[in-house]
PDB file of N, CA and C in Angstrom:
ATOM      1  N   MET A   1      -3.406 -35.883  38.314  1.00  0.00           N
ATOM      2  CA  MET A   1      -3.035 -35.174  38.625  1.00  0.00           C
ATOM      3  C   MET A   1      -4.035 -34.288  39.361  1.00  0.00           C
ATOM      4  N   GLU A   2      -4.027 -33.903  39.693  1.00  0.00           N
ATOM      5  CA  GLU A   2      -4.998 -32.557  40.216  1.00  0.00           C
ATOM      6  C   GLU A   2      -4.329 -31.077  39.789  1.00  0.00           C
ATOM      7  N   TRP A   3      -5.311 -30.065  39.302  1.00  0.00           N
ATOM      8  CA  TRP A   3      -5.154 -28.462  39.504  1.00  0.00           C
ATOM      9  C   TRP A   3      -5.657 -27.959  40.484  1.00  0.00           C
ATOM     10  N   PRO A   4      -5.293 -26.743  40.710  1.00  0.00           N
ATOM     11  CA  PRO A   4      -7.093 -25.818  41.276  1.00  0.00           C
ATOM     12  C   PRO A   4      -6.811 -25.018  40.422  1.00  0.00           C
ATOM     13  N   LEU A   5      -7.580 -24.892  39.925  1.00  0.00           N
ATOM     14  CA  LEU A   5      -8.990 -23.608  38.938  1.00  0.00           C
ATOM     15  C   LEU A   5      -7.776 -22.759  38.806  1.00  0.00           C
ATOM     16  N   GLN A   6      -7.365 -21.626  39.098  1.00  0.00           N
ATOM     17  CA  GLN A   6      -6.819 -20.660  38.398  1.00  0.00           C
ATOM     18  C   GLN A   6      -4.916 -20.739  38.144  1.00  0.00           C
ATOM     19  N   ASP A   7      -4.749 -22.373  38.729  1.00  0.00           N
ATOM     20  CA  ASP A   7      -2.974 -22.859  38.337  1.00  0.00           C
ATOM     21  C   ASP A   7      -3.367 -23.519  36.886  1.00  0.00           C
ATOM     22  N   ALA A   8      -4.916 -24.271  36.533  1.00  0.00           N
ATOM     23  CA  ALA A   8      -5.079 -24.863  35.400  1.00  0.00           C
ATOM     24  C   ALA A   8      -5.310 -23.726  34.382  1.00  0.00           C
ATOM     25  N   LYS A   9      -5.991 -22.767  34.669  1.00  0.00           N
ATOM     26  CA  LYS A   9      -6.032 -21.761  33.718  1.00  0.00           C
ATOM     27  C   LYS A   9      -4.566 -20.833  33.056  1.00  0.00           C
ATOM     28  N   ASN A  10      -4.161 -20.776  34.181  1.00  0.00           N
ATOM     29  CA  ASN A  10      -2.774 -20.250  33.624  1.00  0.00           C
ATOM     30  C   ASN A  10      -2.122 -21.016  33.023  1.00  0.00           C
ATOM     31  N   GLN A  11      -2.158 -22.608  33.097  1.00  0.00           N
ATOM     32  CA  GLN A  11      -0.740 -23.468  32.479  1.00  0.00           C
ATOM     33  C   GLN A  11      -1.935 -24.448  31.275  1.00  0.00           C
ATOM     34  N   PHE A  12      -2.512 -24.250  30.679  1.00  0.00           N
ATOM     35  CA  PHE A  12      -3.119 -24.672  30.467  1.00  0.00           C
ATOM     36  C   PHE A  12      -3.205 -25.821  29.215  1.00  0.00           C
ATOM     37  N   SER A  13      -2.511 -25.552  28.417  1.00  0.00           N
ATOM     38  CA  SER A  13      -1.656 -26.068  27.418  1.00  0.00           C
ATOM     39  C   SER A  13      -0.895 -27.037  28.640  1.00  0.00           C
ATOM     40  N   LYS A  14      -0.230 -27.065  29.557  1.00  0.00           N
ATOM     41  CA  LYS A  14       0.040 -27.860  30.215  1.00  0.00           C
ATOM     42  C   LYS A  14      -0.512 -29.556  30.355  1.00  0.00           C
ATOM     43  N   VAL A  15      -1.469 -28.882  31.507  1.00  0.00           N
ATOM     44  CA  VAL A  15      -2.718 -29.688  31.607  1.00  0.00           C
ATOM     45  C   VAL A  15      -3.245 -30.308  29.987  1.00  0.00           C
ATOM     46  N   VAL A  16      -3.455 -29.439  29.449  1.00  0.00           N
ATOM     47  CA  VAL A  16      -3.556 -30.166  27.731  1.00  0.00           C
ATOM     48  C   VAL A  16      -2.543 -32.054  27.557  1.00  0.00           C
ATOM     49  N   ARG A  17      -1.350 -31.291  28.071  1.00  0.00           N
ATOM     50  CA  ARG A  17      -0.236 -31.903  27.093  1.00  0.00           C
ATOM     51  C   ARG A  17      -0.179 -33.315  28.558  1.00  0.00           C
ATOM     52  N   LYS A  18      -0.229 -32.703  29.194  1.00  0.00           N
ATOM     53  CA  LYS A  18      -0.278 -33.904  30.603  1.00  0.00           C
ATOM     54  C   LYS A  18      -1.244 -34.801  30.390  1.00  0.00           C
ATOM     55  N   ALA A  19      -2.856 -34.336  29.960  1.00  0.00           N
ATOM     56  CA  ALA A  19      -3.700 -35.246  29.984  1.00  0.00           C
ATOM     57  C   ALA A  19      -2.777 -36.307  28.574  1.00  0.00           C
ATOM     58  N   ARG A  20      -2.805 -35.649  27.633  1.00  0.00           N
ATOM     59  CA  ARG A  20      -2.590 -36.579  26.287  1.00  0.00           C
ATOM     60  C   ARG A  20      -0.958 -37.157  27.108  1.00  0.00           C
ATOM     61  N   LEU A  21      -0.837 -37.042  27.632  1.00  0.00           N
ATOM     62  CA  LEU A  21       0.288 -38.407  27.552  1.00  0.00           C
ATOM     63  C   LEU A  21       0.346 -38.708  29.035  1.00  0.00           C
ATOM     64  N   GLU A  22      -0.869 -38.223  30.001  1.00  0.00           N
ATOM     65  CA  GLU A  22       0.026 -38.903  31.142  1.00  0.00           C
ATOM     66  C   GLU A  22      -1.844 -39.608  31.504  1.00  0.00           C
ATOM     67  N   GLY A  23      -3.073 -39.181  31.135  1.00  0.00           N
ATOM     68  CA  GLY A  23      -3.775 -39.403  31.413  1.00  0.00           C
ATOM     69  C   GLY A  23      -4.540 -38.529  31.639  1.00  0.00           C
ATOM     70  N   PRO A  24      -6.285 -38.167  32.337  1.00  0.00           N
ATOM     71  CA  PRO A  24      -6.960 -37.442  32.594  1.00  0.00           C
ATOM     72  C   PRO A  24      -6.070 -36.639  33.536  1.00  0.00           C
ATOM     73  N   GLN A  25      -6.873 -35.275  33.871  1.00  0.00           N
ATOM     74  CA  GLN A  25      -6.413 -34.573  34.724  1.00  0.00           C
ATOM     75  C   GLN A  25      -7.606 -34.224  35.175  1.00  0.00           C
ATOM     76  N   ILE A  26      -7.584 -34.244  36.310  1.00  0.00           N
ATOM     77  CA  ILE A  26      -8.684 -33.084  37.460  1.00  0.00           C
ATOM     78  C   ILE A  26      -8.286 -31.372  38.017  1.00  0.00           C
ATOM     79  N   VAL A  27      -9.154 -30.708  37.612  1.00  0.00           N
ATOM     80  CA  VAL A  27      -9.166 -29.582  37.787  1.00  0.00           C
ATOM     81  C   VAL A  27     -10.303 -28.993  39.272  1.00  0.00           C
ATOM     82  N   THR A  28      -9.613 -28.681  40.380  1.00  0.00           N
ATOM     83  CA  THR A  28     -10.242 -28.324  41.458  1.00  0.00           C
ATOM     84  C   THR A  28     -10.739 -26.847  41.904  1.00  0.00           C
ATOM     85  N   LEU A  29     -12.086 -26.739  42.537  1.00  0.00           N
ATOM     86  CA  LEU A  29     -12.463 -25.475  42.525  1.00  0.00           C
ATOM     87  C   LEU A  29     -12.725 -25.245  44.065  1.00  0.00           C
ATOM     88  N   ARG A  30     -12.062 -24.666  44.945  1.00  0.00           N
ATOM     89  CA  ARG A  30     -11.928 -24.570  46.190  1.00  0.00           C
ATOM     90  C   ARG A  30     -12.117 -25.802  47.063  1.00  0.00           C
ATOM     91  N   GLY A  31     -10.860 -26.655  46.576  1.00  0.00           N
ATOM     92  CA  GLY A  31     -10.563 -27.822  46.631  1.00  0.00           C
ATOM     93  C   GLY A  31     -11.570 -28.937  46.239  1.00  0.00           C
ATOM     94  N   GLU A  32     -12.630 -28.788  45.593  1.00  0.00           N
ATOM     95  CA  GLU A  32     -13.298 -29.922  45.498  1.00  0.00           C
ATOM     96  C   GLU A  32     -13.268 -29.867  43.745  1.00  0.00           C
ATOM     97  N   ARG A  33     -13.466 -31.193  43.503  1.00  0.00           N
ATOM     98  CA  ARG A  33     -13.259 -31.583  42.724  1.00  0.00           C
ATOM     99  C   ARG A  33     -14.859 -30.534  40.806  1.00  0.00           C
ATOM    100  N   ALA A  34     -14.182 -30.464  39.928  1.00  0.00           N
ATOM    101  CA  ALA A  34     -15.093 -29.614  38.885  1.00  0.00           C
ATOM    102  C   ALA A  34     -14.470 -29.695  37.796  1.00  0.00           C
ATOM    103  N   ALA A  35     -14.135 -30.455  37.543  1.00  0.00           N
ATOM    104  CA  ALA A  35     -13.760 -31.128  36.253  1.00  0.00           C
ATOM    105  C   ALA A  35     -12.334 -31.942  35.892  1.00  0.00           C
ATOM    106  N   VAL A  36     -12.754 -32.540  34.713  1.00  0.00           N
ATOM    107  CA  VAL A  36     -11.808 -33.353  34.492  1.00  0.00           C
ATOM    108  C   VAL A  36     -11.371 -33.380  32.896  1.00  0.00           C
ATOM    109  N   VAL A  37      -9.925 -32.848  32.679  1.00  0.00           N
ATOM    110  CA  VAL A  37      -9.614 -32.940  30.836  1.00  0.00           C
ATOM    111  C   VAL A  37      -8.926 -33.819  30.619  1.00  0.00           C
ATOM    112  N   LEU A  38      -9.205 -34.232  29.749  1.00  0.00           N
ATOM    113  CA  LEU A  38      -9.511 -36.047  28.688  1.00  0.00           C
ATOM    114  C   LEU A  38      -8.486 -35.556  27.591  1.00  0.00           C
ATOM    115  N   SER A  39      -8.034 -36.629  27.384  1.00  0.00           N
ATOM    116  CA  SER A  39      -7.470 -36.369  25.803  1.00  0.00           C
ATOM    117  C   SER A  39      -8.035 -36.821  24.861  1.00  0.00           C
ATOM    118  N   ALA A  40      -8.715 -36.346  23.804  1.00  0.00           N
ATOM    119  CA  ALA A  40      -9.004 -36.572  22.672  1.00  0.00           C
ATOM    120  C   ALA A  40      -9.535 -38.701  22.629  1.00  0.00           C
ATOM    121  N   THR A  41      -8.403 -38.839  22.582  1.00  0.00           N
ATOM    122  CA  THR A  41      -8.265 -40.252  22.377  1.00  0.00           C
ATOM    123  C   THR A  41      -9.090 -41.423  24.058  1.00  0.00           C
ATOM    124  N   ASP A  42      -8.654 -40.100  25.002  1.00  0.00           N
ATOM    125  CA  ASP A  42      -9.467 -41.284  26.077  1.00  0.00           C
ATOM    126  C   ASP A  42     -11.252 -40.473  26.213  1.00  0.00           C
ATOM    127  N   TYR A  43     -11.334 -39.929  25.485  1.00  0.00           N
ATOM    128  CA  TYR A  43     -12.788 -39.275  25.106  1.00  0.00           C
ATOM    129  C   TYR A  43     -13.896 -39.917  24.523  1.00  0.00           C
ATOM    130  N   ASP A  44     -12.878 -40.118  23.017  1.00  0.00           N
ATOM    131  CA  ASP A  44     -13.434 -41.215  22.379  1.00  0.00           C
ATOM    132  C   ASP A  44     -13.559 -42.083  22.787  1.00  0.00           C
ATOM    133  N   ALA A  45     -12.185 -43.178  23.314  1.00  0.00           N
ATOM    134  CA  ALA A  45     -12.912 -44.550  24.192  1.00  0.00           C
ATOM    135  C   ALA A  45     -13.902 -44.618  25.244  1.00  0.00           C
ATOM    136  N   LEU A  46     -14.033 -43.621  25.801  1.00  0.00           N
ATOM    137  CA  LEU A  46     -15.235 -43.607  26.908  1.00  0.00           C
ATOM    138  C   LEU A  46     -16.700 -43.175  26.251  1.00  0.00           C
ATOM    139  N   ARG A  47     -16.857 -42.750  24.793  1.00  0.00           N
ATOM    140  CA  ARG A  47     -17.787 -42.613  24.070  1.00  0.00           C
ATOM    141  C   ARG A  47     -18.514 -43.817  23.424  1.00  0.00           C
ATOM    142  N   ALA A  48     -17.369 -44.719  23.046  1.00  0.00           N
ATOM    143  CA  ALA A  48     -17.148 -45.227  21.989  1.00  0.00           C
ATOM    144  C   ALA A  48     -18.542 -46.777  22.202  1.00  0.00           C
ATOM    145  N   GLY A  49     -19.156 -46.953  21.318  1.00  0.00           N
ATOM    146  CA  GLY A  49     -20.264 -47.797  20.962  1.00  0.00           C
ATOM    147  C   GLY A  49     -21.544 -47.538  22.367  1.00  0.00           C
ATOM    148  N   ARG A  50     -21.156 -46.411  22.826  1.00  0.00           N
ATOM    149  CA  ARG A  50     -22.834 -45.868  23.667  1.00  0.00           C
ATOM    150  C   ARG A  50     -23.311 -44.927  22.007  1.00  0.00           C
ATOM    151  N   PRO A  51     -25.141 -45.228  22.393  1.00  0.00           N
ATOM    152  CA  PRO A  51     -25.497 -44.914  21.337  1.00  0.00           C
ATOM    153  C   PRO A  51     -26.172 -42.929  21.982  1.00  0.00           C
ATOM    154  N   THR A  52     -25.745 -42.415  20.503  1.00  0.00           N
ATOM    155  CA  THR A  52     -26.192 -41.109  20.827  1.00  0.00           C
ATOM    156  C   THR A  52     -27.609 -41.199  20.837  1.00  0.00           C
ATOM    157  N   LEU A  53     -28.101 -39.816  20.965  1.00  0.00           N
ATOM    158  CA  LEU A  53     -30.259 -39.376  20.997  1.00  0.00           C
ATOM    159  C   LEU A  53     -30.784 -40.032  19.863  1.00  0.00           C
ATOM    160  N   VAL A  54     -30.268 -39.517  18.352  1.00  0.00           N
ATOM    161  CA  VAL A  54     -30.992 -39.770  17.259  1.00  0.00           C
ATOM    162  C   VAL A  54     -30.985 -41.462  17.962  1.00  0.00           C
ATOM    163  N   ASP A  55     -29.525 -42.329  17.637  1.00  0.00           N
ATOM    164  CA  ASP A  55     -30.304 -43.613  17.556  1.00  0.00           C
ATOM    165  C   ASP A  55     -31.161 -44.175  18.874  1.00  0.00           C
ATOM    166  N   ASP A  56     -30.730 -43.559  20.021  1.00  0.00           N
ATOM    167  CA  ASP A  56     -32.313 -43.911  20.973  1.00  0.00           C
ATOM    168  C   ASP A  56     -33.549 -43.653  20.115  1.00  0.00           C
ATOM    169  N   LEU A  57     -33.845 -42.471  19.640  1.00  0.00           N
ATOM    170  CA  LEU A  57     -34.976 -41.956  19.450  1.00  0.00           C
ATOM    171  C   LEU A  57     -35.313 -43.026  17.854  1.00  0.00           C
ATOM    172  N   LEU A  58     -34.064 -43.458  16.508  1.00  0.00           N
ATOM    173  CA  LEU A  58     -34.965 -43.954  15.832  1.00  0.00           C
ATOM    174  C   LEU A  58     -34.665 -45.673  16.429  1.00  0.00           C
ATOM    175  N   SER A  59     -34.555 -45.662  17.586  1.00  0.00           N
ATOM    176  CA  SER A  59     -34.721 -47.452  18.014  1.00  0.00           C
ATOM    177  C   SER A  59     -36.355 -47.805  19.430  1.00  0.00           C
ATOM    178  N   GLY A  60     -36.688 -46.388  18.841  1.00  0.00           N
ATOM    179  CA  GLY A  60     -38.127 -46.521  19.439  1.00  0.00           C
ATOM    180  C   GLY A  60     -38.931 -47.495  19.109  1.00  0.00           C
ATOM    181  N   PRO A  61     -39.980 -47.855  19.812  1.00  0.00           N
ATOM    182  CA  PRO A  61     -40.522 -49.036  18.650  1.00  0.00           C
ATOM    183  C   PRO A  61     -41.498 -49.089  18.151  1.00  0.00           C
ATOM    184  N   ALA A  62     -41.866 -49.678  17.066  1.00  0.00           N
ATOM    185  CA  ALA A  62     -41.880 -49.553  15.932  1.00  0.00           C
ATOM    186  C   ALA A  62     -43.853 -49.310  15.625  1.00  0.00           C
ATOM    187  N   TRP A  63     -43.696 -48.713  14.918  1.00  0.00           N
ATOM    188  CA  TRP A  63     -45.746 -47.861  14.636  1.00  0.00           C
ATOM    189  C   TRP A  63     -46.179 -49.313  13.615  1.00  0.00           C
ATOM    190  N   ASP A  64     -47.169 -49.622  14.289  1.00  0.00           N
ATOM    191  CA  ASP A  64     -48.288 -50.660  13.648  1.00  0.00           C
ATOM    192  C   ASP A  64     -49.462 -49.125  13.046  1.00  0.00           C
ATOM    193  N   ASP A  65     -49.823 -50.190  12.365  1.00  0.00           N
ATOM    194  CA  ASP A  65     -50.455 -49.737  10.923  1.00  0.00           C
ATOM    195  C   ASP A  65     -51.960 -48.818  11.962  1.00  0.00           C
ATOM    196  N   ALA A  66     -52.003 -49.376  12.507  1.00  0.00           N
ATOM    197  CA  ALA A  66     -53.090 -48.164  13.569  1.00  0.00           C
ATOM    198  C   ALA A  66     -52.997 -47.279  13.455  1.00  0.00           C
ATOM    199  N   PHE A  67     -51.875 -47.180  14.546  1.00  0.00           N
ATOM    200  CA  PHE A  67     -50.748 -46.151  15.407  1.00  0.00           C
ATOM    201  C   PHE A  67     -50.481 -45.035  14.044  1.00  0.00           C
ATOM    202  N   ALA A  68     -50.027 -45.104  13.228  1.00  0.00           N
ATOM    203  CA  ALA A  68     -49.374 -44.817  11.797  1.00  0.00           C
ATOM    204  C   ALA A  68     -50.840 -44.006  11.233  1.00  0.00           C
ATOM    205  N   GLU A  69     -51.798 -44.631  10.540  1.00  0.00           N
ATOM    206  CA  GLU A  69     -53.194 -43.912  10.551  1.00  0.00           C
ATOM    207  C   GLU A  69     -53.424 -43.172  11.546  1.00  0.00           C
ATOM    208  N   ALA A  70     -52.943 -42.910  12.370  1.00  0.00           N
ATOM    209  CA  ALA A  70     -54.461 -42.058  13.553  1.00  0.00           C
ATOM    210  C   ALA A  70     -52.771 -41.054  13.046  1.00  0.00           C
ATOM    211  N   VAL A  71     -51.932 -41.324  12.797  1.00  0.00           N
ATOM    212  CA  VAL A  71     -50.903 -39.930  12.824  1.00  0.00           C
ATOM    213  C   VAL A  71     -51.041 -39.751  11.626  1.00  0.00           C
ATOM    214  N   THR A  72     -51.184 -39.890  10.467  1.00  0.00           N
ATOM    215  CA  THR A  72     -51.502 -39.901   9.187  1.00  0.00           C
ATOM    216  C   THR A  72     -52.932 -38.565   9.333  1.00  0.00           C
ATOM    217  N   ARG A  73     -53.624 -39.099   9.891  1.00  0.00           N
ATOM    218  CA  ARG A  73     -55.237 -38.358   9.478  1.00  0.00           C
ATOM    219  C   ARG A  73     -55.657 -37.484  10.505  1.00  0.00           C
ATOM    220  N   ARG A  74     -54.845 -37.046  11.516  1.00  0.00           N
ATOM    221  CA  ARG A  74     -54.778 -36.515  12.902  1.00  0.00           C
ATOM    222  C   ARG A  74     -54.726 -34.919  11.746  1.00  0.00           C
ATOM    223  N   ALA A  75     -55.438 -33.787  12.831  1.00  0.00           N
ATOM    224  CA  ALA A  75     -55.880 -32.168  12.147  1.00  0.00           C
ATOM    225  C   ALA A  75     -54.036 -31.772  12.195  1.00  0.00           C
ATOM    226  N   LYS A  76     -54.183 -31.373  10.554  1.00  0.00           N
ATOM    227  CA  LYS A  76     -52.594 -30.113   9.953  1.00  0.00           C
ATOM    228  C   LYS A  76     -52.785 -29.213  10.951  1.00  0.00           C
ATOM    229  N   THR A  77     -53.906 -28.671  11.798  1.00  0.00           N
ATOM    230  CA  THR A  77     -53.793 -27.177  12.102  1.00  0.00           C
ATOM    231  C   THR A  77     -53.406 -27.452  13.483  1.00  0.00           C
ATOM    232  N   PRO A  78     -53.061 -26.614  14.140  1.00  0.00           N
ATOM    233  CA  PRO A  78     -52.885 -26.525  15.420  1.00  0.00           C
ATOM    234  C   PRO A  78     -53.969 -26.495  16.598  1.00  0.00           C
ATOM    235  N   SER A  79     -53.939 -27.188  17.312  1.00  0.00           N
ATOM    236  CA  SER A  79     -55.130 -27.626  18.234  1.00  0.00           C
ATOM    237  C   SER A  79     -55.501 -26.597  19.513  1.00  0.00           C
ATOM    238  N   ARG A  80     -54.757 -25.576  19.747  1.00  0.00           N
ATOM    239  CA  ARG A  80     -55.039 -24.570  20.652  1.00  0.00           C
ATOM    240  C   ARG A  80     -55.364 -23.340  19.747  1.00  0.00           C
ATOM    241  N   ASP A  81     -55.753 -22.424  20.076  1.00  0.00           N
ATOM    242  CA  ASP A  81     -56.085 -21.281  20.048  1.00  0.00           C
ATOM    243  C   ASP A  81     -54.763 -20.250  19.732  1.00  0.00           C
ATOM    244  N   ALA A  82     -54.673 -19.896  18.436  1.00  0.00           N
ATOM    245  CA  ALA A  82     -53.193 -18.902  18.821  1.00  0.00           C
ATOM    246  C   ALA A  82     -53.369 -18.005  19.564  1.00  0.00           C
ATOM    247  N   ALA A  83     -54.482 -17.224  19.457  1.00  0.00           N
ATOM    248  CA  ALA A  83     -54.926 -15.409  19.466  1.00  0.00           C
ATOM    249  C   ALA A  83     -54.405 -15.826  20.951  1.00  0.00           C
ATOM    250  N   PHE A  84     -53.914 -14.897  21.946  1.00  0.00           N
ATOM    251  CA  PHE A  84     -54.184 -14.277  23.452  1.00  0.00           C
ATOM    252  C   PHE A  84     -54.819 -13.540  23.506  1.00  0.00           C
TER     253      PHE A  84
END
């Protein structure tokens, strides 16, 4: 169901209830789709199996020994002049 923004604001509890019982509720702004209200169950199903940012970062390429050594021995002080 589509809800103009003003109606969705005025009847938010109804929008949420319908999202839980009937599925996603579309909120429009000046006749254009602007947002979708989902039940928590629908949202969880949508996100299921998708990696998080942390998963993406941790699944990056493994460091070989030469790269790990280069990172370890690099200077510990900032490379830029901090005085401006």
